[in-house]
N, C-alpha and C. Protein backbone atom coordinates (compact mmCIF):
# COMPACT_ATOMS: atom_id res chain seq x y z
N MET A 1 132.77 -34.51 -51.60
CA MET A 1 133.00 -33.09 -51.30
C MET A 1 134.40 -32.71 -51.75
N SER A 2 134.56 -31.43 -52.11
CA SER A 2 135.86 -30.94 -52.52
C SER A 2 136.74 -30.68 -51.30
N ALA A 3 138.02 -30.39 -51.58
CA ALA A 3 138.94 -30.13 -50.47
C ALA A 3 138.50 -28.91 -49.67
N GLY A 4 137.98 -27.89 -50.39
CA GLY A 4 137.50 -26.70 -49.69
C GLY A 4 136.33 -26.99 -48.79
N GLU A 5 135.40 -27.82 -49.27
CA GLU A 5 134.24 -28.18 -48.45
C GLU A 5 134.67 -29.01 -47.25
N ASP A 6 135.66 -29.89 -47.46
CA ASP A 6 136.18 -30.69 -46.35
C ASP A 6 136.77 -29.79 -45.26
N ALA A 7 137.49 -28.75 -45.68
CA ALA A 7 138.11 -27.83 -44.72
C ALA A 7 137.04 -27.07 -43.94
N VAL A 8 135.98 -26.64 -44.64
CA VAL A 8 134.89 -25.93 -43.98
C VAL A 8 134.19 -26.84 -42.98
N LEU A 9 133.95 -28.09 -43.38
CA LEU A 9 133.31 -29.06 -42.49
C LEU A 9 134.16 -29.29 -41.25
N LEU A 10 135.47 -29.44 -41.45
CA LEU A 10 136.37 -29.65 -40.31
C LEU A 10 136.35 -28.45 -39.37
N ASP A 11 136.33 -27.24 -39.94
CA ASP A 11 136.25 -26.03 -39.12
C ASP A 11 134.97 -26.02 -38.29
N ASN A 12 133.85 -26.39 -38.93
CA ASN A 12 132.58 -26.42 -38.21
C ASN A 12 132.59 -27.45 -37.09
N ILE A 13 133.21 -28.58 -37.35
CA ILE A 13 133.32 -29.62 -36.32
C ILE A 13 134.12 -29.11 -35.13
N MET A 14 135.25 -28.47 -35.40
CA MET A 14 136.10 -27.96 -34.34
C MET A 14 135.39 -26.86 -33.53
N ILE A 15 134.64 -26.02 -34.23
CA ILE A 15 133.91 -24.94 -33.56
C ILE A 15 132.86 -25.51 -32.62
N SER A 16 132.07 -26.47 -33.12
CA SER A 16 131.04 -27.08 -32.28
C SER A 16 131.66 -27.83 -31.11
N ASP A 17 132.75 -28.55 -31.36
CA ASP A 17 133.44 -29.27 -30.28
C ASP A 17 133.88 -28.32 -29.18
N THR A 18 134.46 -27.20 -29.59
CA THR A 18 134.94 -26.22 -28.61
C THR A 18 133.79 -25.67 -27.78
N ARG A 19 132.69 -25.36 -28.43
CA ARG A 19 131.53 -24.83 -27.72
C ARG A 19 130.98 -25.86 -26.73
N VAL A 20 130.87 -27.10 -27.17
CA VAL A 20 130.34 -28.15 -26.30
C VAL A 20 131.24 -28.36 -25.09
N LEU A 21 132.53 -28.55 -25.33
CA LEU A 21 133.44 -28.87 -24.23
C LEU A 21 133.60 -27.70 -23.27
N THR A 22 133.60 -26.47 -23.79
CA THR A 22 133.73 -25.31 -22.91
C THR A 22 132.52 -25.18 -22.00
N GLY A 23 131.32 -25.22 -22.57
CA GLY A 23 130.12 -25.12 -21.76
C GLY A 23 129.97 -26.28 -20.80
N PHE A 24 130.31 -27.48 -21.27
CA PHE A 24 130.21 -28.68 -20.43
C PHE A 24 131.17 -28.60 -19.25
N LEU A 25 132.42 -28.23 -19.49
CA LEU A 25 133.42 -28.16 -18.42
C LEU A 25 133.09 -27.05 -17.43
N LEU A 26 132.57 -25.93 -17.93
CA LEU A 26 132.16 -24.86 -17.02
C LEU A 26 131.01 -25.31 -16.12
N SER A 27 130.06 -26.03 -16.68
CA SER A 27 128.93 -26.52 -15.88
C SER A 27 129.40 -27.53 -14.84
N ALA A 28 130.36 -28.38 -15.22
CA ALA A 28 130.90 -29.36 -14.27
C ALA A 28 131.69 -28.66 -13.17
N ALA A 29 132.48 -27.65 -13.55
CA ALA A 29 133.29 -26.92 -12.57
C ALA A 29 132.42 -26.21 -11.55
N ALA A 30 131.25 -25.75 -11.97
CA ALA A 30 130.34 -25.06 -11.05
C ALA A 30 129.39 -26.02 -10.35
N GLY A 31 128.88 -27.01 -11.09
CA GLY A 31 127.85 -27.88 -10.55
C GLY A 31 128.33 -28.93 -9.57
N ILE A 32 129.54 -29.47 -9.79
CA ILE A 32 130.03 -30.53 -8.91
C ILE A 32 130.32 -30.01 -7.51
N PRO A 33 131.10 -28.93 -7.34
CA PRO A 33 131.32 -28.44 -5.96
C PRO A 33 130.03 -28.03 -5.26
N LEU A 34 129.14 -27.35 -5.99
CA LEU A 34 127.88 -26.93 -5.37
C LEU A 34 127.03 -28.15 -5.03
N GLY A 35 127.03 -29.16 -5.91
CA GLY A 35 126.27 -30.38 -5.64
C GLY A 35 126.79 -31.13 -4.42
N LEU A 36 128.11 -31.19 -4.27
CA LEU A 36 128.70 -31.82 -3.08
C LEU A 36 128.29 -31.06 -1.82
N PHE A 37 128.35 -29.73 -1.90
CA PHE A 37 127.98 -28.91 -0.74
C PHE A 37 126.52 -29.12 -0.37
N MET A 38 125.64 -29.13 -1.38
CA MET A 38 124.22 -29.33 -1.10
C MET A 38 123.94 -30.74 -0.63
N GLY A 39 124.71 -31.71 -1.11
CA GLY A 39 124.52 -33.08 -0.67
C GLY A 39 124.92 -33.30 0.77
N ILE A 40 125.90 -32.52 1.23
CA ILE A 40 126.40 -32.66 2.60
C ILE A 40 125.57 -31.84 3.59
N LYS A 41 125.22 -30.64 3.18
CA LYS A 41 124.56 -29.71 4.10
C LYS A 41 123.05 -29.68 3.87
N VAL A 42 122.31 -30.06 4.90
CA VAL A 42 120.85 -30.07 4.80
C VAL A 42 120.31 -28.67 4.59
N TYR A 43 120.87 -27.69 5.29
CA TYR A 43 120.36 -26.32 5.18
C TYR A 43 120.59 -25.76 3.78
N ALA A 44 121.67 -26.18 3.12
CA ALA A 44 121.93 -25.71 1.76
C ALA A 44 120.88 -26.26 0.80
N ARG A 45 120.53 -27.54 0.97
CA ARG A 45 119.48 -28.12 0.13
C ARG A 45 118.15 -27.43 0.38
N ALA A 46 117.84 -27.16 1.63
CA ALA A 46 116.57 -26.51 1.95
C ALA A 46 116.48 -25.12 1.33
N PHE A 47 117.60 -24.42 1.30
CA PHE A 47 117.61 -23.06 0.77
C PHE A 47 117.64 -23.02 -0.75
N LEU A 48 118.44 -23.91 -1.37
CA LEU A 48 118.69 -23.83 -2.81
C LEU A 48 117.77 -24.72 -3.64
N ASN A 49 117.19 -25.75 -3.05
CA ASN A 49 116.33 -26.65 -3.84
C ASN A 49 115.16 -25.93 -4.52
N PRO A 50 114.51 -24.98 -3.85
CA PRO A 50 113.42 -24.26 -4.55
C PRO A 50 113.91 -23.51 -5.78
N ILE A 51 115.11 -22.95 -5.71
CA ILE A 51 115.66 -22.24 -6.87
C ILE A 51 115.94 -23.21 -7.99
N VAL A 52 116.54 -24.36 -7.64
CA VAL A 52 116.83 -25.38 -8.64
C VAL A 52 115.54 -25.91 -9.26
N SER A 53 114.51 -26.04 -8.45
CA SER A 53 113.23 -26.55 -8.94
C SER A 53 112.58 -25.59 -9.93
N VAL A 54 112.83 -24.29 -9.75
CA VAL A 54 112.27 -23.29 -10.67
C VAL A 54 113.05 -23.26 -11.97
N ILE A 55 114.38 -23.29 -11.88
CA ILE A 55 115.22 -23.19 -13.07
C ILE A 55 115.28 -24.50 -13.83
N GLY A 56 115.25 -25.61 -13.11
CA GLY A 56 115.44 -26.93 -13.72
C GLY A 56 114.54 -27.27 -14.89
N PRO A 57 113.22 -27.03 -14.78
CA PRO A 57 112.33 -27.42 -15.88
C PRO A 57 112.51 -26.62 -17.16
N LEU A 58 113.22 -25.49 -17.09
CA LEU A 58 113.38 -24.66 -18.29
C LEU A 58 114.35 -25.33 -19.27
N PRO A 59 113.90 -25.63 -20.48
CA PRO A 59 114.80 -26.24 -21.47
C PRO A 59 115.83 -25.23 -21.95
N ALA A 60 116.93 -25.74 -22.49
CA ALA A 60 118.01 -24.87 -22.96
C ALA A 60 117.50 -23.90 -24.02
N MET A 61 116.56 -24.34 -24.86
CA MET A 61 116.04 -23.48 -25.92
C MET A 61 115.40 -22.21 -25.36
N SER A 62 114.83 -22.29 -24.17
CA SER A 62 114.16 -21.14 -23.60
C SER A 62 115.13 -20.03 -23.21
N TRP A 63 116.40 -20.37 -23.05
CA TRP A 63 117.41 -19.38 -22.69
C TRP A 63 117.99 -18.67 -23.92
N ILE A 64 117.72 -19.20 -25.11
CA ILE A 64 118.35 -18.64 -26.31
C ILE A 64 117.95 -17.19 -26.56
N PRO A 65 116.65 -16.83 -26.54
CA PRO A 65 116.31 -15.41 -26.79
C PRO A 65 116.95 -14.46 -25.79
N LEU A 66 116.91 -14.82 -24.50
CA LEU A 66 117.47 -13.96 -23.47
C LEU A 66 118.99 -13.83 -23.63
N SER A 67 119.64 -14.96 -23.91
CA SER A 67 121.10 -14.92 -24.07
C SER A 67 121.51 -14.11 -25.29
N MET A 68 120.69 -14.14 -26.34
CA MET A 68 121.00 -13.34 -27.53
C MET A 68 120.83 -11.84 -27.24
N LEU A 69 119.85 -11.50 -26.41
CA LEU A 69 119.66 -10.10 -26.03
C LEU A 69 120.83 -9.60 -25.19
N TRP A 70 121.34 -10.48 -24.31
CA TRP A 70 122.40 -10.07 -23.41
C TRP A 70 123.79 -10.19 -24.04
N LEU A 71 124.00 -11.26 -24.83
CA LEU A 71 125.34 -11.58 -25.31
C LEU A 71 125.50 -11.54 -26.82
N GLY A 72 124.40 -11.28 -27.53
CA GLY A 72 124.49 -11.31 -28.99
C GLY A 72 124.60 -12.74 -29.48
N ILE A 73 125.32 -12.94 -30.59
CA ILE A 73 125.50 -14.30 -31.11
C ILE A 73 126.98 -14.67 -31.11
N ASP A 74 127.75 -14.03 -30.23
CA ASP A 74 129.17 -14.36 -30.11
C ASP A 74 129.34 -15.71 -29.43
N GLU A 75 130.61 -16.11 -29.29
CA GLU A 75 130.91 -17.41 -28.69
C GLU A 75 130.40 -17.51 -27.26
N GLN A 76 130.46 -16.39 -26.52
CA GLN A 76 130.00 -16.43 -25.14
C GLN A 76 128.55 -16.86 -25.03
N GLN A 77 127.76 -16.50 -26.02
CA GLN A 77 126.34 -16.88 -26.00
C GLN A 77 126.18 -18.39 -26.14
N LYS A 78 127.00 -19.00 -27.00
CA LYS A 78 126.94 -20.45 -27.18
C LYS A 78 127.38 -21.16 -25.92
N TYR A 79 128.46 -20.65 -25.31
CA TYR A 79 128.92 -21.24 -24.05
C TYR A 79 127.85 -21.14 -22.98
N ALA A 80 127.16 -19.99 -22.94
CA ALA A 80 126.12 -19.78 -21.93
C ALA A 80 124.96 -20.75 -22.12
N ILE A 81 124.57 -21.00 -23.37
CA ILE A 81 123.47 -21.92 -23.64
C ILE A 81 123.82 -23.33 -23.19
N VAL A 82 125.03 -23.77 -23.52
CA VAL A 82 125.45 -25.11 -23.10
C VAL A 82 125.53 -25.18 -21.58
N PHE A 83 126.08 -24.14 -20.98
CA PHE A 83 126.20 -24.10 -19.52
C PHE A 83 124.82 -24.20 -18.86
N MET A 84 123.88 -23.37 -19.31
CA MET A 84 122.56 -23.37 -18.70
C MET A 84 121.82 -24.67 -18.95
N GLY A 85 122.07 -25.28 -20.10
CA GLY A 85 121.42 -26.55 -20.40
C GLY A 85 121.97 -27.71 -19.60
N CYS A 86 123.22 -27.58 -19.13
CA CYS A 86 123.89 -28.70 -18.45
C CYS A 86 123.98 -28.53 -16.93
N PHE A 87 124.03 -27.29 -16.48
CA PHE A 87 124.33 -27.03 -15.07
C PHE A 87 123.37 -27.73 -14.12
N GLU A 88 122.07 -27.59 -14.37
CA GLU A 88 121.09 -28.17 -13.46
C GLU A 88 121.22 -29.69 -13.39
N SER A 89 121.48 -30.32 -14.54
CA SER A 89 121.64 -31.78 -14.56
C SER A 89 122.88 -32.21 -13.79
N VAL A 90 123.99 -31.49 -14.00
CA VAL A 90 125.21 -31.79 -13.25
C VAL A 90 124.95 -31.66 -11.75
N LEU A 91 124.27 -30.59 -11.38
CA LEU A 91 123.99 -30.34 -9.96
C LEU A 91 123.15 -31.46 -9.36
N VAL A 92 122.08 -31.84 -10.03
CA VAL A 92 121.19 -32.88 -9.50
C VAL A 92 121.89 -34.23 -9.42
N TYR A 93 122.64 -34.59 -10.47
CA TYR A 93 123.37 -35.86 -10.43
C TYR A 93 124.37 -35.88 -9.27
N THR A 94 125.04 -34.76 -9.03
CA THR A 94 126.04 -34.71 -7.97
C THR A 94 125.39 -34.79 -6.60
N ILE A 95 124.27 -34.08 -6.41
CA ILE A 95 123.56 -34.14 -5.13
C ILE A 95 123.11 -35.58 -4.85
N ASP A 96 122.50 -36.21 -5.84
CA ASP A 96 122.02 -37.59 -5.65
C ASP A 96 123.18 -38.54 -5.37
N ALA A 97 124.30 -38.37 -6.07
CA ALA A 97 125.47 -39.23 -5.86
C ALA A 97 126.02 -39.05 -4.46
N THR A 98 126.04 -37.81 -3.99
CA THR A 98 126.55 -37.53 -2.64
C THR A 98 125.65 -38.15 -1.58
N LEU A 99 124.35 -38.05 -1.78
CA LEU A 99 123.40 -38.59 -0.80
C LEU A 99 123.44 -40.12 -0.76
N ARG A 100 123.93 -40.75 -1.84
CA ARG A 100 124.00 -42.21 -1.87
C ARG A 100 125.27 -42.77 -1.23
N VAL A 101 126.20 -41.91 -0.86
CA VAL A 101 127.39 -42.39 -0.17
C VAL A 101 126.99 -43.00 1.17
N ASP A 102 127.50 -44.18 1.46
CA ASP A 102 127.12 -44.89 2.68
C ASP A 102 127.49 -44.06 3.91
N PRO A 103 126.53 -43.67 4.73
CA PRO A 103 126.84 -42.87 5.93
C PRO A 103 127.72 -43.61 6.92
N VAL A 104 127.71 -44.94 6.87
CA VAL A 104 128.56 -45.73 7.77
C VAL A 104 130.04 -45.44 7.47
N LEU A 105 130.36 -45.28 6.19
CA LEU A 105 131.74 -44.98 5.82
C LEU A 105 132.16 -43.61 6.36
N ILE A 106 131.26 -42.64 6.28
CA ILE A 106 131.56 -41.31 6.79
C ILE A 106 131.75 -41.35 8.30
N LEU A 107 130.86 -42.06 9.00
CA LEU A 107 130.95 -42.17 10.45
C LEU A 107 132.22 -42.89 10.86
N SER A 108 132.60 -43.93 10.12
CA SER A 108 133.82 -44.67 10.43
C SER A 108 135.05 -43.79 10.30
N ALA A 109 135.08 -42.99 9.24
CA ALA A 109 136.22 -42.10 9.03
C ALA A 109 136.31 -41.07 10.16
N ARG A 110 135.17 -40.55 10.59
CA ARG A 110 135.17 -39.58 11.69
C ARG A 110 135.61 -40.23 12.99
N ASN A 111 135.19 -41.48 13.22
CA ASN A 111 135.59 -42.19 14.43
C ASN A 111 137.09 -42.46 14.46
N LEU A 112 137.69 -42.53 13.27
CA LEU A 112 139.14 -42.72 13.17
C LEU A 112 139.89 -41.39 13.19
N CYS A 113 139.16 -40.33 13.55
CA CYS A 113 139.73 -38.99 13.71
C CYS A 113 140.24 -38.40 12.40
N ALA A 114 139.62 -38.76 11.30
CA ALA A 114 139.99 -38.17 10.01
C ALA A 114 139.57 -36.71 9.99
N ALA A 115 140.41 -35.88 9.41
CA ALA A 115 140.07 -34.46 9.29
C ALA A 115 138.86 -34.27 8.40
N ARG A 116 138.13 -33.19 8.61
CA ARG A 116 136.91 -32.95 7.84
C ARG A 116 137.18 -32.90 6.34
N LYS A 117 138.28 -32.23 5.96
CA LYS A 117 138.61 -32.14 4.54
C LYS A 117 138.96 -33.50 3.95
N ASP A 118 139.56 -34.39 4.78
CA ASP A 118 139.89 -35.73 4.30
C ASP A 118 138.63 -36.57 4.14
N VAL A 119 137.68 -36.40 5.05
CA VAL A 119 136.40 -37.11 4.92
C VAL A 119 135.70 -36.68 3.64
N LEU A 120 135.71 -35.38 3.39
CA LEU A 120 135.06 -34.87 2.19
C LEU A 120 135.75 -35.38 0.92
N ARG A 121 137.08 -35.36 0.94
CA ARG A 121 137.83 -35.72 -0.26
C ARG A 121 137.87 -37.22 -0.51
N PHE A 122 138.21 -37.99 0.52
CA PHE A 122 138.49 -39.40 0.32
C PHE A 122 137.28 -40.31 0.55
N VAL A 123 136.29 -39.83 1.27
CA VAL A 123 135.11 -40.66 1.54
C VAL A 123 133.92 -40.18 0.71
N VAL A 124 133.55 -38.93 0.89
CA VAL A 124 132.35 -38.43 0.22
C VAL A 124 132.58 -38.29 -1.29
N PHE A 125 133.62 -37.55 -1.66
CA PHE A 125 133.86 -37.29 -3.09
C PHE A 125 134.17 -38.57 -3.85
N LEU A 126 135.11 -39.37 -3.35
CA LEU A 126 135.46 -40.61 -4.05
C LEU A 126 134.31 -41.61 -4.04
N GLY A 127 133.52 -41.59 -2.97
CA GLY A 127 132.36 -42.47 -2.93
C GLY A 127 131.29 -42.08 -3.93
N ALA A 128 131.16 -40.77 -4.15
CA ALA A 128 130.16 -40.28 -5.10
C ALA A 128 130.67 -40.26 -6.53
N LEU A 129 131.98 -40.30 -6.72
CA LEU A 129 132.57 -40.11 -8.04
C LEU A 129 132.04 -41.06 -9.13
N PRO A 130 131.87 -42.36 -8.85
CA PRO A 130 131.34 -43.23 -9.93
C PRO A 130 129.99 -42.78 -10.46
N ASP A 131 129.09 -42.40 -9.55
CA ASP A 131 127.77 -41.94 -9.99
C ASP A 131 127.85 -40.57 -10.66
N ILE A 132 128.76 -39.72 -10.20
CA ILE A 132 128.95 -38.42 -10.83
C ILE A 132 129.44 -38.61 -12.26
N MET A 133 130.40 -39.51 -12.45
CA MET A 133 130.92 -39.77 -13.79
C MET A 133 129.84 -40.32 -14.71
N SER A 134 129.00 -41.19 -14.19
CA SER A 134 127.89 -41.72 -15.00
C SER A 134 126.93 -40.60 -15.39
N GLY A 135 126.67 -39.69 -14.47
CA GLY A 135 125.79 -38.57 -14.77
C GLY A 135 126.39 -37.62 -15.79
N LEU A 136 127.69 -37.39 -15.69
CA LEU A 136 128.35 -36.48 -16.63
C LEU A 136 128.31 -37.02 -18.06
N LYS A 137 128.32 -38.32 -18.20
CA LYS A 137 128.22 -38.91 -19.54
C LYS A 137 126.87 -38.55 -20.18
N VAL A 138 125.82 -38.57 -19.39
CA VAL A 138 124.50 -38.18 -19.89
C VAL A 138 124.49 -36.68 -20.20
N VAL A 139 125.10 -35.90 -19.33
CA VAL A 139 125.12 -34.45 -19.51
C VAL A 139 125.88 -34.06 -20.77
N LEU A 140 126.92 -34.81 -21.11
CA LEU A 140 127.68 -34.51 -22.32
C LEU A 140 126.80 -34.62 -23.56
N ALA A 141 125.90 -35.59 -23.57
CA ALA A 141 124.94 -35.69 -24.68
C ALA A 141 123.98 -34.51 -24.68
N ILE A 142 123.58 -34.08 -23.49
CA ILE A 142 122.71 -32.90 -23.39
C ILE A 142 123.42 -31.67 -23.94
N ALA A 143 124.73 -31.57 -23.67
CA ALA A 143 125.51 -30.43 -24.16
C ALA A 143 125.47 -30.35 -25.68
N TRP A 144 125.54 -31.49 -26.34
CA TRP A 144 125.47 -31.50 -27.81
C TRP A 144 124.11 -31.04 -28.30
N ALA A 145 123.05 -31.49 -27.64
CA ALA A 145 121.71 -31.04 -28.03
C ALA A 145 121.58 -29.53 -27.86
N CYS A 146 122.17 -29.00 -26.80
CA CYS A 146 122.10 -27.55 -26.55
C CYS A 146 122.82 -26.76 -27.63
N VAL A 147 124.04 -27.20 -27.96
CA VAL A 147 124.83 -26.41 -28.90
C VAL A 147 124.24 -26.48 -30.31
N ILE A 148 123.72 -27.61 -30.69
CA ILE A 148 123.10 -27.72 -32.02
C ILE A 148 121.88 -26.81 -32.11
N SER A 149 121.08 -26.78 -31.03
CA SER A 149 119.92 -25.88 -31.01
C SER A 149 120.34 -24.43 -31.11
N ALA A 150 121.38 -24.06 -30.35
CA ALA A 150 121.85 -22.68 -30.36
C ALA A 150 122.40 -22.30 -31.72
N GLU A 151 123.11 -23.21 -32.37
CA GLU A 151 123.70 -22.92 -33.68
C GLU A 151 122.64 -22.81 -34.77
N MET A 152 121.55 -23.53 -34.62
CA MET A 152 120.49 -23.46 -35.61
C MET A 152 119.72 -22.14 -35.53
N VAL A 153 119.63 -21.58 -34.32
CA VAL A 153 118.83 -20.37 -34.13
C VAL A 153 119.63 -19.11 -34.41
N GLY A 154 120.86 -19.03 -33.87
CA GLY A 154 121.62 -17.80 -34.03
C GLY A 154 123.10 -18.05 -34.12
N ALA A 155 123.61 -18.38 -35.30
CA ALA A 155 125.04 -18.63 -35.47
C ALA A 155 125.37 -18.53 -36.96
N ASN A 156 126.63 -18.36 -37.23
CA ASN A 156 127.10 -18.39 -38.61
C ASN A 156 128.21 -19.41 -38.80
N SER A 157 128.28 -20.35 -37.85
CA SER A 157 129.27 -21.43 -37.94
C SER A 157 128.83 -22.57 -37.04
N GLY A 158 129.47 -23.71 -37.19
CA GLY A 158 129.14 -24.88 -36.38
C GLY A 158 128.29 -25.88 -37.15
N LEU A 159 128.22 -27.09 -36.62
CA LEU A 159 127.47 -28.15 -37.30
C LEU A 159 125.97 -27.86 -37.33
N GLY A 160 125.45 -27.28 -36.26
CA GLY A 160 124.03 -26.94 -36.26
C GLY A 160 123.69 -25.93 -37.34
N PHE A 161 124.53 -24.91 -37.47
CA PHE A 161 124.35 -23.92 -38.53
C PHE A 161 124.43 -24.57 -39.90
N ARG A 162 125.39 -25.48 -40.08
CA ARG A 162 125.57 -26.15 -41.37
C ARG A 162 124.34 -26.99 -41.73
N ILE A 163 123.82 -27.70 -40.75
CA ILE A 163 122.63 -28.53 -40.98
C ILE A 163 121.43 -27.66 -41.33
N TRP A 164 121.25 -26.57 -40.59
CA TRP A 164 120.09 -25.70 -40.82
C TRP A 164 120.17 -25.02 -42.17
N ARG A 165 121.36 -24.59 -42.55
CA ARG A 165 121.51 -23.94 -43.85
C ARG A 165 121.26 -24.94 -44.97
N ALA A 166 121.73 -26.18 -44.81
CA ALA A 166 121.48 -27.21 -45.81
C ALA A 166 119.99 -27.51 -45.91
N LYS A 167 119.30 -27.46 -44.78
CA LYS A 167 117.85 -27.69 -44.78
C LYS A 167 117.14 -26.61 -45.59
N GLU A 168 117.58 -25.35 -45.43
CA GLU A 168 116.95 -24.26 -46.17
C GLU A 168 117.17 -24.38 -47.67
N TRP A 169 118.28 -24.99 -48.06
CA TRP A 169 118.58 -25.19 -49.48
C TRP A 169 118.11 -26.57 -49.96
N SER A 170 117.37 -27.29 -49.09
CA SER A 170 116.86 -28.63 -49.42
C SER A 170 117.97 -29.58 -49.83
N ASP A 171 119.12 -29.42 -49.17
CA ASP A 171 120.29 -30.26 -49.46
C ASP A 171 120.32 -31.41 -48.46
N THR A 172 119.60 -32.48 -48.80
CA THR A 172 119.49 -33.62 -47.89
C THR A 172 120.86 -34.24 -47.60
N GLY A 173 121.72 -34.27 -48.59
CA GLY A 173 123.04 -34.87 -48.40
C GLY A 173 123.84 -34.17 -47.32
N GLN A 174 123.85 -32.83 -47.34
CA GLN A 174 124.60 -32.08 -46.34
C GLN A 174 123.98 -32.22 -44.95
N VAL A 175 122.66 -32.33 -44.89
CA VAL A 175 122.00 -32.56 -43.61
C VAL A 175 122.45 -33.89 -43.02
N LEU A 176 122.48 -34.92 -43.86
CA LEU A 176 122.89 -36.25 -43.40
C LEU A 176 124.36 -36.27 -43.01
N VAL A 177 125.19 -35.53 -43.75
CA VAL A 177 126.61 -35.45 -43.40
C VAL A 177 126.78 -34.83 -42.02
N GLY A 178 126.05 -33.74 -41.77
CA GLY A 178 126.13 -33.09 -40.47
C GLY A 178 125.68 -34.00 -39.35
N MET A 179 124.58 -34.72 -39.57
CA MET A 179 124.09 -35.65 -38.56
C MET A 179 125.08 -36.78 -38.32
N PHE A 180 125.67 -37.28 -39.40
CA PHE A 180 126.65 -38.35 -39.28
C PHE A 180 127.87 -37.88 -38.49
N CYS A 181 128.31 -36.65 -38.75
CA CYS A 181 129.47 -36.11 -38.02
C CYS A 181 129.19 -36.01 -36.53
N ILE A 182 127.98 -35.59 -36.18
CA ILE A 182 127.63 -35.50 -34.76
C ILE A 182 127.68 -36.88 -34.11
N SER A 183 127.14 -37.88 -34.79
CA SER A 183 127.14 -39.24 -34.24
C SER A 183 128.56 -39.76 -34.04
N VAL A 184 129.43 -39.51 -35.02
CA VAL A 184 130.81 -39.98 -34.93
C VAL A 184 131.55 -39.26 -33.79
N ILE A 185 131.34 -37.96 -33.68
CA ILE A 185 132.00 -37.19 -32.63
C ILE A 185 131.56 -37.68 -31.25
N VAL A 186 130.26 -37.87 -31.07
CA VAL A 186 129.75 -38.35 -29.79
C VAL A 186 130.33 -39.73 -29.47
N LEU A 187 130.44 -40.59 -30.47
CA LEU A 187 131.03 -41.92 -30.27
C LEU A 187 132.49 -41.79 -29.84
N MET A 188 133.24 -40.92 -30.50
CA MET A 188 134.65 -40.72 -30.16
C MET A 188 134.80 -40.15 -28.75
N LEU A 189 133.94 -39.20 -28.40
CA LEU A 189 133.99 -38.63 -27.06
C LEU A 189 133.65 -39.68 -26.01
N ASP A 190 132.75 -40.59 -26.34
CA ASP A 190 132.40 -41.66 -25.40
C ASP A 190 133.60 -42.57 -25.16
N ILE A 191 134.36 -42.85 -26.21
CA ILE A 191 135.56 -43.68 -26.06
C ILE A 191 136.59 -42.97 -25.18
N VAL A 192 136.78 -41.69 -25.43
CA VAL A 192 137.71 -40.90 -24.61
C VAL A 192 137.23 -40.86 -23.16
N TYR A 193 135.92 -40.70 -22.99
CA TYR A 193 135.35 -40.61 -21.66
C TYR A 193 135.56 -41.91 -20.88
N ARG A 194 135.42 -43.03 -21.57
CA ARG A 194 135.65 -44.33 -20.92
C ARG A 194 137.11 -44.45 -20.47
N GLY A 195 138.02 -43.92 -21.28
CA GLY A 195 139.42 -43.93 -20.89
C GLY A 195 139.67 -43.09 -19.65
N ILE A 196 139.02 -41.93 -19.58
CA ILE A 196 139.14 -41.07 -18.40
C ILE A 196 138.57 -41.77 -17.16
N GLU A 197 137.45 -42.46 -17.34
CA GLU A 197 136.85 -43.20 -16.23
C GLU A 197 137.80 -44.26 -15.69
N LYS A 198 138.50 -44.94 -16.58
CA LYS A 198 139.44 -45.98 -16.14
C LYS A 198 140.59 -45.38 -15.33
N ILE A 199 140.98 -44.16 -15.68
CA ILE A 199 142.05 -43.48 -14.95
C ILE A 199 141.56 -43.00 -13.58
N LEU A 200 140.37 -42.40 -13.56
CA LEU A 200 139.85 -41.83 -12.33
C LEU A 200 139.24 -42.87 -11.39
N LEU A 201 138.75 -43.97 -11.96
CA LEU A 201 138.07 -45.00 -11.16
C LEU A 201 138.72 -46.36 -11.38
N PRO A 202 140.00 -46.51 -11.03
CA PRO A 202 140.67 -47.79 -11.29
C PRO A 202 140.07 -48.96 -10.53
N TRP A 203 139.49 -48.68 -9.33
CA TRP A 203 138.92 -49.76 -8.54
C TRP A 203 137.65 -50.32 -9.17
N GLN A 204 137.02 -49.55 -10.06
CA GLN A 204 135.81 -50.02 -10.72
C GLN A 204 136.10 -51.15 -11.69
N GLN A 205 137.34 -51.22 -12.20
CA GLN A 205 137.67 -52.22 -13.22
C GLN A 205 137.59 -53.63 -12.67
N HIS A 206 137.77 -53.78 -11.35
CA HIS A 206 137.73 -55.11 -10.75
C HIS A 206 136.33 -55.67 -10.68
N HIS A 207 135.33 -54.81 -10.90
CA HIS A 207 133.94 -55.26 -10.81
C HIS A 207 133.33 -55.48 -12.19
N GLU A 208 134.11 -55.29 -13.24
CA GLU A 208 133.59 -55.46 -14.59
C GLU A 208 133.87 -56.87 -15.09
């Protein structure tokens, strides 16, 4: 590829990365607190589980037409697709992780007169954090699938757009380049993610 093509490819990579990370972080920021709340409060699960059950089965692709009607094909639409594709998974992983925290630990902390916020922060959240982090790794891959789908349907930039345009021109080489870039990016993000896990979960290293 020429220098100009390299620059365009790099721009598309950066655009897709931004869309993925923005939608992913927004879904985590919304899904983790709500998941902790639903994991702790039985009445919250009873009230919200039916809503989650209705929204959950809908694939990210099903939100694309509606999001295009509401948001057009601007960046907000891409963020919305990634968010909707990831939010339910983040929520479910967090609820399950919270429910798996040993209740004996929670009871022990309360018997030691720990404040409610300390029980939530140091017992429930930290106890659930390893499983939450494992779930987020899966969700990050889902985020990539969402953004590529959104870029193929309604976009004028990004790796998904580049792959789809190359497909229309029967340019197998460019399709393979786009696919290769996605694989490399996901691999690099996985390495970064492992580094973040080591920082957030230092006690886990003793069990490896």
